[in-house]
C-alpha atoms as a PDB file:
ATOM      1  CA  MET A   1      -2.177  36.799 -10.152  1.00  0.00           C
ATOM      2  CA  ARG A   2      -5.584  38.277  -9.448  1.00  0.00           C
ATOM      3  CA  ARG A   3      -7.128  35.790 -11.877  1.00  0.00           C
ATOM      4  CA  LEU A   4      -5.269  32.935 -10.195  1.00  0.00           C
ATOM      5  CA  ILE A   5      -6.798  33.984  -6.882  1.00  0.00           C
ATOM      6  CA  GLU A   6     -10.281  34.137  -8.396  1.00  0.00           C
ATOM      7  CA  VAL A   7     -10.106  30.626  -9.863  1.00  0.00           C
ATOM      8  CA  GLN A   8      -9.093  29.193  -6.475  1.00  0.00           C
ATOM      9  CA  LEU A   9     -12.195  30.402  -4.653  1.00  0.00           C
ATOM     10  CA  PRO A  10     -14.833  27.787  -3.795  1.00  0.00           C
ATOM     11  CA  ALA A  11     -17.556  30.191  -4.913  1.00  0.00           C
ATOM     12  CA  THR A  12     -19.991  27.930  -6.786  1.00  0.00           C
ATOM     13  CA  ASP A  13     -21.459  24.503  -6.115  1.00  0.00           C
ATOM     14  CA  GLU A  14     -19.235  23.141  -8.879  1.00  0.00           C
ATOM     15  CA  ASP A  15     -16.158  24.697  -7.231  1.00  0.00           C
ATOM     16  CA  VAL A  16     -17.117  23.208  -3.869  1.00  0.00           C
ATOM     17  CA  GLN A  17     -17.559  19.784  -5.463  1.00  0.00           C
ATOM     18  CA  GLY A  18     -14.114  20.020  -7.096  1.00  0.00           C
ATOM     19  CA  TRP A  19     -12.493  21.084  -3.832  1.00  0.00           C
ATOM     20  CA  SER A  20     -14.277  18.262  -2.004  1.00  0.00           C
ATOM     21  CA  ILE A  21     -12.861  15.683  -4.420  1.00  0.00           C
ATOM     22  CA  TRP A  22      -9.397  17.199  -4.063  1.00  0.00           C
ATOM     23  CA  ILE A  23      -9.592  17.059  -0.251  1.00  0.00           C
ATOM     24  CA  GLN A  24     -10.800  13.459  -0.376  1.00  0.00           C
ATOM     25  CA  ALA A  25      -7.813  12.584  -2.585  1.00  0.00           C
ATOM     26  CA  TRP A  26      -5.473  14.133   0.000  1.00  0.00           C
ATOM     27  CA  ASN A  27      -7.195  12.176   2.733  1.00  0.00           C
ATOM     28  CA  GLU A  28      -6.798   8.932   0.790  1.00  0.00           C
ATOM     29  CA  ALA A  29      -3.091   9.665   0.331  1.00  0.00           C
ATOM     30  CA  ILE A  30      -2.750  10.236   4.065  1.00  0.00           C
ATOM     31  CA  LEU A  31      -4.478   6.951   4.892  1.00  0.00           C
ATOM     32  CA  ASP A  32      -3.036   4.818   2.086  1.00  0.00           C
ATOM     33  CA  PRO A  33       0.677   5.220   1.346  1.00  0.00           C
ATOM     34  CA  ALA A  34       0.196   3.511  -2.043  1.00  0.00           C
ATOM     35  CA  ARG A  35      -1.826   6.527  -3.185  1.00  0.00           C
ATOM     36  CA  ARG A  36       0.826   9.083  -2.264  1.00  0.00           C
ATOM     37  CA  PRO A  37       2.900   8.955  -5.458  1.00  0.00           C
ATOM     38  CA  GLY A  38      -0.152   9.688  -7.622  1.00  0.00           C
ATOM     39  CA  GLN A  39      -1.299  12.495  -5.349  1.00  0.00           C
ATOM     40  CA  ARG A  40       2.226  13.919  -5.246  1.00  0.00           C
ATOM     41  CA  GLU A  41       2.443  13.878  -9.050  1.00  0.00           C
ATOM     42  CA  ILE A  42      -0.890  15.641  -9.511  1.00  0.00           C
ATOM     43  CA  TYR A  43      -0.132  18.224  -6.851  1.00  0.00           C
ATOM     44  CA  SER A  44       3.386  18.798  -8.196  1.00  0.00           C
ATOM     45  CA  ARG A  45       2.030  19.522 -11.675  1.00  0.00           C
ATOM     46  CA  TRP A  46      -0.494  21.986 -10.253  1.00  0.00           C
ATOM     47  CA  ARG A  47       2.127  23.643  -8.083  1.00  0.00           C
ATOM     48  CA  GLN A  48       4.421  24.049 -11.099  1.00  0.00           C
ATOM     49  CA  VAL A  49       1.626  25.880 -12.925  1.00  0.00           C
ATOM     50  CA  VAL A  50       1.333  28.210  -9.935  1.00  0.00           C
ATOM     51  CA  VAL A  51       5.117  28.741  -9.830  1.00  0.00           C
ATOM     52  CA  GLU A  52       5.168  29.671 -13.513  1.00  0.00           C
ATOM     53  CA  LEU A  53       2.261  32.077 -13.143  1.00  0.00           C
ATOM     54  CA  VAL A  54       3.814  33.678 -10.072  1.00  0.00           C
ATOM     55  CA  ARG A  55       7.112  34.024 -11.924  1.00  0.00           C
ATOM     56  CA  GLU A  56       5.272  36.063 -14.574  1.00  0.00           C
ATOM     57  CA  CYS A  57       3.744  38.358 -11.939  1.00  0.00           C
ATOM     58  CA  THR A  58       6.700  39.213  -9.765  1.00  0.00           C
ATOM     59  CA  GLU A  59      10.440  39.230  -9.443  1.00  0.00           C
ATOM     60  CA  ALA A  60      10.194  37.751  -5.942  1.00  0.00           C
ATOM     61  CA  ASP A  61      11.222  34.148  -5.203  1.00  0.00           C
ATOM     62  CA  ALA A  62       8.560  32.317  -7.214  1.00  0.00           C
ATOM     63  CA  GLU A  63       9.065  28.983  -5.446  1.00  0.00           C
ATOM     64  CA  ALA A  64       8.620  30.499  -1.988  1.00  0.00           C
ATOM     65  CA  LEU A  65       5.712  32.680  -3.060  1.00  0.00           C
ATOM     66  CA  ALA A  66       3.972  29.712  -4.711  1.00  0.00           C
ATOM     67  CA  ALA A  67       4.414  27.654  -1.542  1.00  0.00           C
ATOM     68  CA  ARG A  68       2.853  30.429   0.543  1.00  0.00           C
ATOM     69  CA  PHE A  69       0.084  30.906  -2.001  1.00  0.00           C
ATOM     70  CA  THR A  70      -0.869  27.235  -2.260  1.00  0.00           C
ATOM     71  CA  GLY A  71      -0.669  26.804   1.518  1.00  0.00           C
ATOM     72  CA  MET A  72      -2.976  29.756   2.121  1.00  0.00           C
ATOM     73  CA  VAL A  73      -5.397  28.748  -0.620  1.00  0.00           C
ATOM     74  CA  ASP A  74      -5.619  25.164   0.611  1.00  0.00           C
ATOM     75  CA  GLY A  75      -6.079  26.122   4.252  1.00  0.00           C
ATOM     76  CA  LEU A  76      -8.653  28.826   3.582  1.00  0.00           C
ATOM     77  CA  ALA A  77     -10.646  26.638   1.196  1.00  0.00           C
ATOM     78  CA  ILE A  78     -10.730  23.806   3.726  1.00  0.00           C
ATOM     79  CA  GLN A  79     -12.105  26.224   6.333  1.00  0.00           C
ATOM     80  CA  ILE A  80     -14.876  27.245   3.947  1.00  0.00           C
ATOM     81  CA  LEU A  81     -15.802  23.688   3.007  1.00  0.00           C
ATOM     82  CA  ALA A  82     -15.666  22.349   6.565  1.00  0.00           C
ATOM     83  CA  ARG A  83     -17.509  25.396   7.910  1.00  0.00           C
ATOM     84  CA  THR A  84     -15.396  25.182  11.033  1.00  0.00           C
ATOM     85  CA  THR A  85     -14.737  28.918  11.058  1.00  0.00           C
ATOM     86  CA  GLU A  86     -16.458  32.056   9.839  1.00  0.00           C
ATOM     87  CA  MET A  87     -14.330  31.994   6.686  1.00  0.00           C
ATOM     88  CA  SER A  88     -16.213  33.058   3.581  1.00  0.00           C
ATOM     89  CA  VAL A  89     -15.318  33.275  -0.096  1.00  0.00           C
ATOM     90  CA  ASP A  90     -15.195  37.071   0.144  1.00  0.00           C
ATOM     91  CA  ARG A  91     -12.897  36.935   3.181  1.00  0.00           C
ATOM     92  CA  MET A  92     -10.682  34.348   1.461  1.00  0.00           C
ATOM     93  CA  ARG A  93     -10.372  36.639  -1.570  1.00  0.00           C
ATOM     94  CA  GLU A  94      -9.559  39.608   0.674  1.00  0.00           C
ATOM     95  CA  LEU A  95      -6.870  37.714   2.606  1.00  0.00           C
ATOM     96  CA  LEU A  96      -5.233  36.412  -0.566  1.00  0.00           C
ATOM     97  CA  LEU A  97      -5.245  39.814  -2.230  1.00  0.00           C
ATOM     98  CA  ASP A  98      -3.812  41.418   0.922  1.00  0.00           C
ATOM     99  CA  ALA A  99      -1.050  38.817   1.064  1.00  0.00           C
ATOM    100  CA  PHE A 100      -0.112  38.891  -2.608  1.00  0.00           C
ATOM    101  CA  GLU A 101      -1.040  42.398  -3.775  1.00  0.00           C
ATOM    102  CA  PRO A 102       2.428  43.774  -2.918  1.00  0.00           C
ATOM    103  CA  HIS A 103       3.974  41.251  -5.305  1.00  0.00           C
ATOM    104  CA  ILE A 104       1.472  42.042  -8.027  1.00  0.00           C
ATOM    105  CA  SER A 105       2.154  45.758  -7.635  1.00  0.00           C
ATOM    106  CA  LEU A 106       5.924  45.321  -7.641  1.00  0.00           C
ATOM    107  CA  ARG A 107       5.868  43.573 -11.003  1.00  0.00           C
ATOM    108  CA  GLU A 108       3.324  45.946 -12.564  1.00  0.00           C
ATOM    109  CA  THR A 109       5.380  48.946 -11.409  1.00  0.00           C
ATOM    110  CA  ALA A 110       8.555  47.419 -12.791  1.00  0.00           C
ATOM    111  CA  VAL A 111       6.887  46.724 -16.142  1.00  0.00           C
ATOM    112  CA  ARG A 112       5.465  50.257 -16.378  1.00  0.00           C
ATOM    113  CA  ALA A 113       8.799  51.808 -15.427  1.00  0.00           C
ATOM    114  CA  THR A 114      10.718  49.911 -18.080  1.00  0.00           C
ATOM    115  CA  PRO A 115      11.446  52.133 -21.110  1.00  0.00           C
ATOM    116  CA  ARG A 116      10.341  50.730 -24.440  1.00  0.00           C
END
């Protein structure tokens, strides 16, 4: 889960460029209904990857946790790229870790407590 958070951060110029393309694709889907099915398919595949990774990290509701995770990641990244707030990569990381650390810890504790 920690690695998933790290790979979402728009920390490098290459990351920012990738996020910019992704946001432009969303915008195109908003403006042109014909583009929505393609955008939905791409996003659905990505979201399924997140669901599967979350499922490995916690016993919580993976679907709900993935929805919260992707919503937070998307919103925070947009704030960084648009520079409409004081959001920074470090603050984004901190907020995501604060939000999802309890789920990471729950799973790690459960794994450690399981007798082998």
